């Protein structure tokens, strides 16, 4: 990977993490000041929030790279998933199961689609 690819993937990952942290702060505030708790929300909305953040991160990575949107998006999604699951495996002693493998695959697909859209939004095709 070239320096430009690493930079673009890093921008996408930082964007995804920033969005997830922002949503986590909002949810923590809701949990603190309302009767809402983690168990009443469930796992599906958290996955949807994660996929939305990754999609936006893919758009940012693709716009930064301005070419090879699918590749840079998929690389961003894979790097994000690798980091998250390394933390889960090493920090929380939680082995990977089929549901995690499926989540990693969907992360890569969603971020790759975001990368494709990001390249097209960046105006790379207008330069030709």
Foldseek 3Di string as FASTA:
>chain_A
DDPLLVVLLVQLLVQLVVQLVVVVVVVVVCVVPHVDDPVVVDDVVVLVSSLVSLLQSLLSSLLSSLDPSLVSQLVSLLVNLVVVVCCCCVVVVDDDDPVSVVSSVSSSVSSSVSSVVNSVVNCSVVVD
